[in-house]
Amino acid sequence: MLILTVNAGSSSLKFNLIELPERKEYISGYFEKIGDNGSFYNIKINDEKIKREVDLKDHSVAIKYLIEELLNNKIINSLDDIDGIGHRIVHGGDKYSNSVLITDDVIKEVDSLKELAPLHNPANIIGIKAFKEALPNIPMVGVFDTAFHHTMKPSEYLYPVPYSWYKDYKIRKYGFHGTSHKYITKIMKEKLGKENINIISCHIGSGGSITCIKDGKSIDTSMGFSPNSGIMMGTRCGDIDYSIINFYEKQSGKTKQEIENMLNKQSGLIGISGTSSDHRDIELEIEKGNEQALLADNMYVNKIVDYIAKYYVKLDGNVDALVFTAGLGENAREFRSNVIKKLHSLGFYLNEKENMKIASFLKNAQTEGIISSEESKIPIYVIPTNEELMIALDTYEIIN
């Protein structure tokens, strides 16, 4: 079966076409600057990358080009060859604990949650409606980033604020990156050969979250009510004292909206280093002796170590594996090493030689493997995440 996966943003659209159960990817692509000047899209077929500069006035035009590429490259003979479409939806609130077949009612419910994800849910709905119009006869499935974390207990997802905040306004920890953590859990079950695994999953990219998984289920995660909580990230601050916001507002004259923008887009690595949100640039600055870049890197390591240690205790030390994934987790070898060095007291030790072999940007490099030493009490893995495949697998299961 051919499954098309879709991740629609307000001005972007990412897609993959995957054959299941073979897990073969035929084509992938990314449309950018939809509705803006300089719009274009990239596609990848059989490792060949193609870029086309086109006028993308809205998502429906992007879908028209997507369909043309599928047909012109003979990926499909007709639209009937597509068996299902899986849409990434960022926020499912406390309504959706699993992926679901998309109906008009589901679209209305996702729209009603837009205040919880104002940047993402409206964009996701635009993509769903555009595909529904272009391909009305193909079943569509919604895959929610928050769904995997529905197994958290109230003692973990509630905040110590008046209970009426949760009862009346649904203010609680939701968690994100669930599709990635679910995929890592699935892969680790296969690798460890058992269902009820206990792992600590570290999704470290430009955004990052760490999830504590017990018996194959999420019991806690670093991101909370929004994706701006938990560890520091490329441009996000992560956990801070809320009093800072009112204090800074009075001292600086900035509005709360301006401050929120700063905490989301001008904080984290770029905020502390003053140079970049990309950790590769931070590493180059450290080599040049940039002390602020070194400070940013140290803070980043410490925040991740804090959560790993917390979840190690939460699992009572019964951890089957620590897993690094996503862009930074899969590629930043020195960074992984710096994290593990601070976890020696918990029995985590690195095989430096094996660690240095794993990075997808290296020629003929390994992209996954075990990087712990024989001395390590707990195995340490690097596993590439694949959210698109997880979306396709959920879609495949539901439409069948």
Protein backbone atom coordinates (compact mmCIF):
# COMPACT_ATOMS: atom_id res chain seq x y z
CA MET A 1 0.00 0.00 0.00
CA LEU A 2 1.17 3.51 -0.82
CA ILE A 3 0.85 6.00 2.03
CA LEU A 4 1.43 9.73 1.59
CA THR A 5 2.57 11.51 4.77
CA VAL A 6 1.97 15.23 5.16
CA ASN A 7 3.31 17.80 7.61
CA ALA A 8 1.72 21.17 6.80
CA GLY A 9 3.00 24.40 8.34
CA SER A 10 1.59 27.89 7.89
CA SER A 11 3.93 28.54 4.94
CA SER A 12 5.37 25.08 4.29
CA LEU A 13 4.43 21.53 3.39
CA LYS A 14 6.59 18.46 3.87
CA PHE A 15 5.69 15.11 2.31
CA ASN A 16 6.85 11.52 1.80
CA LEU A 17 5.40 8.64 -0.20
CA ILE A 18 6.08 5.31 1.50
CA GLU A 19 5.14 1.76 0.52
CA LEU A 20 4.03 -0.48 3.34
CA PRO A 21 4.59 -3.00 4.75
CA GLU A 22 7.91 -2.90 2.85
CA ARG A 23 8.79 0.52 4.39
CA LYS A 24 10.17 1.70 1.04
CA GLU A 25 10.31 5.46 0.45
CA TYR A 26 9.77 6.51 -3.18
CA ILE A 27 9.82 10.30 -2.97
CA SER A 28 10.03 13.05 -0.39
CA GLY A 29 9.82 16.80 -0.64
CA TYR A 30 9.48 20.14 1.08
CA PHE A 31 7.55 23.20 -0.13
CA GLU A 32 8.69 26.49 1.38
CA LYS A 33 7.52 30.11 1.51
CA ILE A 34 3.96 29.21 0.50
CA GLY A 35 2.03 32.46 0.05
CA ASP A 36 5.22 34.52 0.02
CA ASN A 37 7.79 35.79 -2.46
CA GLY A 38 10.62 33.46 -3.46
CA SER A 39 8.60 30.27 -2.96
CA PHE A 40 10.12 26.97 -4.08
CA TYR A 41 10.17 23.27 -3.41
CA ASN A 42 12.75 20.51 -3.15
CA ILE A 43 12.13 16.86 -3.94
CA LYS A 44 14.29 13.79 -3.48
CA ILE A 45 13.93 10.68 -5.68
CA ASN A 46 16.41 7.79 -5.48
CA ASP A 47 18.94 10.05 -3.70
CA GLU A 48 18.66 12.64 -6.50
CA LYS A 49 17.73 16.10 -5.22
CA ILE A 50 15.79 18.54 -7.40
CA LYS A 51 14.89 22.16 -6.61
CA ARG A 52 12.19 24.09 -8.46
CA GLU A 53 11.37 27.78 -8.00
CA VAL A 54 7.63 28.24 -8.52
CA ASP A 55 4.85 30.58 -7.42
CA LEU A 56 3.07 28.95 -4.49
CA LYS A 57 0.20 31.29 -3.68
CA ASP A 58 -1.41 28.79 -1.29
CA HIS A 59 -1.31 25.16 -0.16
CA SER A 60 -3.64 24.00 -2.94
CA VAL A 61 -1.05 25.09 -5.52
CA ALA A 62 1.67 23.22 -3.62
CA ILE A 63 -0.49 20.08 -3.70
CA LYS A 64 -1.01 20.51 -7.46
CA TYR A 65 2.78 20.49 -7.96
CA LEU A 66 3.13 17.55 -5.56
CA ILE A 67 0.64 15.50 -7.61
CA GLU A 68 2.38 16.50 -10.85
CA GLU A 69 5.73 15.29 -9.49
CA LEU A 70 4.21 11.95 -8.47
CA LEU A 71 2.72 11.45 -11.93
CA ASN A 72 5.52 12.92 -14.07
CA ASN A 73 8.17 10.86 -12.30
CA LYS A 74 5.96 7.79 -12.72
CA ILE A 75 5.89 7.18 -8.98
CA ILE A 76 2.19 6.51 -9.47
CA ASN A 77 0.10 5.88 -12.60
CA SER A 78 -3.01 7.55 -11.21
CA LEU A 79 -4.20 9.12 -7.98
CA ASP A 80 -6.06 5.89 -7.22
CA ASP A 81 -2.67 4.30 -6.51
CA ILE A 82 -2.47 6.28 -3.25
CA ASP A 83 -4.15 4.23 -0.54
CA GLY A 84 -4.06 6.69 2.35
CA ILE A 85 -2.82 10.08 3.56
CA GLY A 86 -1.38 10.57 7.05
CA HIS A 87 -1.35 14.09 8.47
CA ARG A 88 0.84 15.22 11.33
CA ILE A 89 -1.27 17.24 13.77
CA VAL A 90 0.65 18.95 16.56
CA HIS A 91 -2.00 19.19 19.27
CA GLY A 92 -4.77 16.78 20.14
CA GLY A 93 -5.48 18.24 23.57
CA ASP A 94 -6.81 15.70 26.05
CA LYS A 95 -9.19 14.37 23.38
CA TYR A 96 -6.94 12.18 21.22
CA SER A 97 -4.83 9.44 22.75
CA ASN A 98 -4.30 7.70 19.40
CA SER A 99 -4.23 8.45 15.69
CA VAL A 100 -7.71 8.63 14.12
CA LEU A 101 -9.47 8.55 10.77
CA ILE A 102 -10.12 12.18 9.81
CA THR A 103 -13.78 13.16 9.54
CA ASP A 104 -15.53 16.54 9.48
CA ASP A 105 -16.03 16.20 13.24
CA VAL A 106 -12.31 15.58 13.78
CA ILE A 107 -11.47 18.70 11.74
CA LYS A 108 -13.85 20.76 13.90
CA GLU A 109 -12.36 19.36 17.10
CA VAL A 110 -8.78 20.02 15.97
CA ASP A 111 -9.82 23.56 15.04
CA SER A 112 -11.31 24.02 18.53
CA LEU A 113 -7.87 23.27 19.99
CA LYS A 114 -6.12 26.03 18.02
CA GLU A 115 -5.64 28.20 21.11
CA LEU A 116 -3.41 25.45 22.52
CA ALA A 117 -1.24 25.46 19.36
CA PRO A 118 -1.92 28.75 17.52
CA LEU A 119 1.08 28.40 15.20
CA HIS A 120 0.53 24.76 14.27
CA ASN A 121 -3.05 23.47 14.43
CA PRO A 122 -4.50 26.08 12.01
CA ALA A 123 -1.71 25.24 9.54
CA ASN A 124 -2.35 21.51 9.94
CA ILE A 125 -6.04 22.09 9.17
CA ILE A 126 -5.16 24.09 6.04
CA GLY A 127 -3.22 21.06 4.79
CA ILE A 128 -6.02 18.63 5.65
CA LYS A 129 -8.68 20.71 3.88
CA ALA A 130 -6.49 21.26 0.82
CA PHE A 131 -5.84 17.52 0.43
CA LYS A 132 -9.48 16.71 1.09
CA GLU A 133 -10.45 18.97 -1.81
CA ALA A 134 -7.73 17.68 -4.15
CA LEU A 135 -8.03 13.98 -3.26
CA PRO A 136 -11.55 13.54 -1.84
CA ASN A 137 -11.73 9.76 -2.23
CA ILE A 138 -8.56 8.87 -0.33
CA PRO A 139 -8.91 8.15 3.42
CA MET A 140 -6.93 10.47 5.67
CA VAL A 141 -5.59 9.84 9.17
CA GLY A 142 -4.58 12.37 11.81
CA VAL A 143 -1.44 11.52 13.81
CA PHE A 144 -1.10 13.70 16.92
CA ASP A 145 2.21 14.78 18.41
CA THR A 146 0.64 14.79 21.87
CA ALA A 147 -1.03 11.35 21.67
CA PHE A 148 1.90 9.21 22.85
CA HIS A 149 2.02 11.09 26.15
CA HIS A 150 -1.61 10.36 27.08
CA THR A 151 -0.39 7.50 29.25
CA MET A 152 1.00 9.98 31.80
CA LYS A 153 -0.81 9.96 35.14
CA PRO A 154 -2.45 13.09 36.61
CA SER A 155 0.34 13.29 39.19
CA GLU A 156 2.73 13.87 36.29
CA TYR A 157 0.67 15.97 33.89
CA LEU A 158 -1.00 18.35 36.35
CA TYR A 159 0.68 21.59 37.43
CA PRO A 160 0.58 22.66 41.11
CA VAL A 161 -1.81 25.53 40.36
CA PRO A 162 -5.51 25.85 41.29
CA TYR A 163 -7.22 22.68 40.08
CA SER A 164 -9.88 24.82 38.38
CA TRP A 165 -7.22 25.89 35.83
CA TYR A 166 -7.17 22.32 34.58
CA LYS A 167 -10.90 21.69 35.02
CA ASP A 168 -12.02 24.91 33.30
CA TYR A 169 -9.22 25.64 30.83
CA LYS A 170 -7.41 22.30 30.32
CA ILE A 171 -4.11 23.76 31.54
CA ARG A 172 -1.82 20.74 31.99
CA LYS A 173 1.33 19.13 30.64
CA TYR A 174 0.67 17.66 27.18
CA GLY A 175 4.13 16.84 25.88
CA PHE A 176 5.26 16.93 22.26
CA HIS A 177 7.53 15.05 19.82
CA GLY A 178 5.28 12.10 20.62
CA THR A 179 5.49 10.70 17.10
CA SER A 180 9.29 10.58 17.34
CA HIS A 181 9.32 9.07 20.85
CA LYS A 182 6.71 6.50 19.76
CA TYR A 183 8.89 5.53 16.78
CA ILE A 184 12.00 5.18 18.97
CA THR A 185 10.01 3.02 21.40
CA LYS A 186 8.85 0.80 18.54
CA ILE A 187 12.40 0.37 17.20
CA MET A 188 13.84 -0.32 20.65
CA LYS A 189 11.20 -2.98 21.33
CA GLU A 190 12.41 -4.72 18.17
CA LYS A 191 16.08 -4.35 19.10
CA LEU A 192 15.63 -5.47 22.72
CA GLY A 193 13.23 -8.24 21.78
CA LYS A 194 10.52 -7.41 24.31
CA GLU A 195 7.38 -5.29 24.69
CA ASN A 196 7.66 -3.84 28.18
CA ILE A 197 10.81 -1.78 27.80
CA ASN A 198 12.08 0.97 30.07
CA ILE A 199 14.02 3.61 28.14
CA ILE A 200 14.97 7.28 28.30
CA SER A 201 14.44 8.77 24.84
CA CYS A 202 16.37 11.97 24.05
CA HIS A 203 15.01 13.79 20.98
CA ILE A 204 17.60 16.53 20.61
CA GLY A 205 17.24 18.76 17.55
CA SER A 206 16.62 22.48 17.10
CA GLY A 207 13.73 21.70 19.42
CA GLY A 208 14.28 19.04 22.03
CA SER A 209 12.47 16.85 24.51
CA ILE A 210 13.32 13.93 26.75
CA THR A 211 10.76 11.24 27.56
CA CYS A 212 10.67 8.66 30.32
CA ILE A 213 9.20 5.41 28.99
CA LYS A 214 8.16 2.60 31.33
CA ASP A 215 6.75 -0.71 30.08
CA GLY A 216 6.70 0.80 26.59
CA LYS A 217 4.57 3.80 27.60
CA SER A 218 5.34 7.46 28.25
CA ILE A 219 5.11 8.21 31.97
CA ASP A 220 6.74 11.67 31.87
CA THR A 221 8.26 14.06 29.36
CA SER A 222 10.17 17.34 29.50
CA MET A 223 7.89 19.47 27.30
CA GLY A 224 4.71 20.58 28.99
CA PHE A 225 1.76 22.86 28.17
CA SER A 226 3.75 24.19 25.22
CA PRO A 227 6.87 23.15 23.27
CA ASN A 228 8.75 25.99 24.99
CA SER A 229 9.22 24.10 28.24
CA GLY A 230 11.71 21.52 29.43
CA ILE A 231 15.33 21.63 28.29
CA MET A 232 16.82 24.72 26.61
CA MET A 233 16.81 24.43 22.82
CA GLY A 234 18.11 26.18 19.72
CA THR A 235 15.95 29.29 20.17
CA ARG A 236 13.65 28.35 23.09
CA CYS A 237 14.39 28.99 26.74
CA GLY A 238 12.91 25.85 28.26
CA ASP A 239 12.02 25.91 31.97
CA ILE A 240 12.38 29.32 33.65
CA ASP A 241 10.93 31.09 36.70
CA TYR A 242 7.64 32.66 35.56
CA SER A 243 8.32 35.79 37.69
CA ILE A 244 11.05 36.77 35.22
CA ILE A 245 8.39 37.69 32.65
CA ASN A 246 6.60 40.31 34.76
CA PHE A 247 9.91 41.68 36.06
CA TYR A 248 11.40 42.03 32.58
CA GLU A 249 8.16 43.55 31.26
CA LYS A 250 8.33 46.33 33.87
CA GLN A 251 12.07 46.92 33.51
CA SER A 252 12.24 46.85 29.69
CA GLY A 253 8.88 48.23 28.62
CA LYS A 254 8.41 45.22 26.32
CA THR A 255 4.93 43.77 25.88
CA LYS A 256 4.11 40.22 26.93
CA GLN A 257 3.77 39.29 23.25
CA GLU A 258 7.26 40.63 22.53
CA ILE A 259 8.66 38.77 25.51
CA GLU A 260 6.96 35.53 24.47
CA ASN A 261 8.50 35.93 21.03
CA MET A 262 11.94 36.43 22.62
CA LEU A 263 11.54 33.34 24.81
CA ASN A 264 10.55 31.26 21.76
CA LYS A 265 12.83 32.65 19.06
CA GLN A 266 15.71 34.53 20.68
CA SER A 267 16.61 32.37 23.68
CA GLY A 268 18.29 29.00 24.21
CA LEU A 269 21.56 28.50 22.33
CA ILE A 270 21.23 31.69 20.30
CA GLY A 271 20.27 33.71 23.35
CA ILE A 272 23.27 32.68 25.43
CA SER A 273 25.88 32.38 22.66
CA GLY A 274 24.78 35.50 20.81
CA THR A 275 25.84 33.84 17.56
CA SER A 276 23.65 30.97 16.38
CA SER A 277 20.91 28.47 17.25
CA ASP A 278 22.74 25.78 15.25
CA HIS A 279 24.96 23.64 17.45
CA ARG A 280 27.41 23.11 14.58
CA ASP A 281 28.08 26.86 14.62
CA ILE A 282 28.40 26.77 18.41
CA GLU A 283 31.11 24.09 18.09
CA LEU A 284 33.03 26.25 15.61
CA GLU A 285 32.79 29.25 17.93
CA ILE A 286 34.06 27.16 20.85
CA GLU A 287 37.10 26.21 18.75
CA LYS A 288 37.72 29.93 18.24
CA GLY A 289 37.67 30.49 21.99
CA ASN A 290 34.23 32.11 22.19
CA GLU A 291 33.40 31.91 25.92
CA GLN A 292 29.69 32.62 25.46
CA ALA A 293 29.42 29.75 22.99
CA LEU A 294 31.14 27.47 25.51
CA LEU A 295 28.75 28.69 28.22
CA ALA A 296 25.75 27.95 25.98
CA ASP A 297 27.05 24.45 25.28
CA ASN A 298 27.69 23.74 28.97
CA MET A 299 24.22 24.94 29.92
CA TYR A 300 22.67 22.80 27.21
CA VAL A 301 24.53 19.70 28.40
CA ASN A 302 23.53 20.37 32.02
CA LYS A 303 19.82 20.75 31.21
CA ILE A 304 19.80 17.42 29.36
CA VAL A 305 21.74 15.68 32.13
CA ASP A 306 19.24 16.99 34.69
CA TYR A 307 16.32 15.32 32.92
CA ILE A 308 18.15 12.06 32.22
CA ALA A 309 19.09 11.81 35.91
CA LYS A 310 15.53 12.62 36.96
CA TYR A 311 14.07 9.91 34.73
CA TYR A 312 16.72 7.40 35.78
CA VAL A 313 15.45 7.83 39.33
CA LYS A 314 11.83 7.72 38.18
CA LEU A 315 12.56 4.32 36.61
CA ASP A 316 14.28 3.25 39.85
CA GLY A 317 17.48 2.63 37.89
CA ASN A 318 15.74 -0.12 35.89
CA VAL A 319 16.66 1.34 32.47
CA ASP A 320 17.01 -0.90 29.41
CA ALA A 321 18.59 1.82 27.28
CA LEU A 322 19.37 5.50 26.91
CA VAL A 323 18.67 6.61 23.33
CA PHE A 324 19.87 9.71 21.45
CA THR A 325 17.90 10.75 18.36
CA ALA A 326 17.04 13.71 16.07
CA GLY A 327 19.52 16.05 14.36
CA LEU A 328 21.82 16.88 17.26
CA GLY A 329 21.36 13.58 19.05
CA GLU A 330 22.22 11.63 15.89
CA ASN A 331 25.18 13.74 14.76
CA ALA A 332 26.87 15.75 17.53
CA ARG A 333 29.47 13.25 18.71
CA GLU A 334 31.36 15.53 21.11
CA PHE A 335 28.08 16.74 22.55
CA ARG A 336 26.93 13.17 23.28
CA SER A 337 30.28 12.55 24.93
CA ASN A 338 29.92 15.64 27.15
CA VAL A 339 26.47 14.52 28.28
CA ILE A 340 27.60 11.01 29.19
CA LYS A 341 30.68 12.25 31.09
CA LYS A 342 28.32 13.90 33.56
CA LEU A 343 26.36 10.66 34.05
CA HIS A 344 29.21 8.42 35.24
CA SER A 345 27.83 8.38 38.79
CA LEU A 346 24.69 6.66 37.44
CA GLY A 347 26.72 4.01 35.61
CA PHE A 348 26.63 5.45 32.07
CA TYR A 349 29.96 5.14 30.21
CA LEU A 350 30.81 5.82 26.59
CA ASN A 351 32.89 3.91 24.10
CA GLU A 352 34.51 6.98 22.54
CA LYS A 353 35.68 5.10 19.46
CA GLU A 354 32.19 3.79 18.67
CA ASN A 355 30.65 7.17 19.45
CA MET A 356 32.89 8.93 16.93
CA LYS A 357 31.81 6.53 14.17
CA ILE A 358 28.14 7.55 14.26
CA ALA A 359 27.10 10.72 12.43
CA SER A 360 25.09 10.83 9.21
CA PHE A 361 27.14 13.71 7.75
CA LEU A 362 30.31 11.60 7.69
CA LYS A 363 31.22 9.80 4.47
CA ASN A 364 30.44 6.08 4.74
CA ALA A 365 29.45 6.67 8.35
CA GLN A 366 27.22 4.60 10.58
CA THR A 367 23.89 6.25 11.33
CA GLU A 368 22.98 4.12 14.32
CA GLY A 369 24.52 1.80 16.87
CA ILE A 370 25.49 1.19 20.48
CA ILE A 371 27.98 3.74 21.82
CA SER A 372 28.29 2.54 25.42
CA SER A 373 31.38 0.78 26.73
CA GLU A 374 31.46 -2.63 28.43
CA GLU A 375 31.83 -0.74 31.70
CA SER A 376 28.46 0.97 31.21
CA LYS A 377 25.68 -0.37 33.40
CA ILE A 378 23.11 0.70 30.80
CA PRO A 379 23.38 0.44 26.99
CA ILE A 380 23.51 3.77 25.15
CA TYR A 381 22.09 3.87 21.61
CA VAL A 382 22.00 6.31 18.73
CA ILE A 383 18.88 5.66 16.63
CA PRO A 384 17.73 7.90 13.74
CA THR A 385 14.15 8.98 14.23
CA ASN A 386 11.63 8.67 11.40
CA GLU A 387 8.43 10.51 12.16
CA GLU A 388 7.23 10.16 8.56
CA LEU A 389 7.46 6.37 8.75
CA MET A 390 5.62 6.39 12.09
CA ILE A 391 2.84 8.51 10.54
CA ALA A 392 2.67 6.09 7.60
CA LEU A 393 2.55 3.04 9.89
CA ASP A 394 -0.30 4.50 11.95
CA THR A 395 -2.17 5.41 8.75
CA TYR A 396 -1.63 1.95 7.31
CA GLU A 397 -2.96 0.32 10.48
CA ILE A 398 -6.06 2.50 10.71
CA ILE A 399 -7.18 2.34 7.07
CA ASN A 400 -6.80 -1.43 7.20
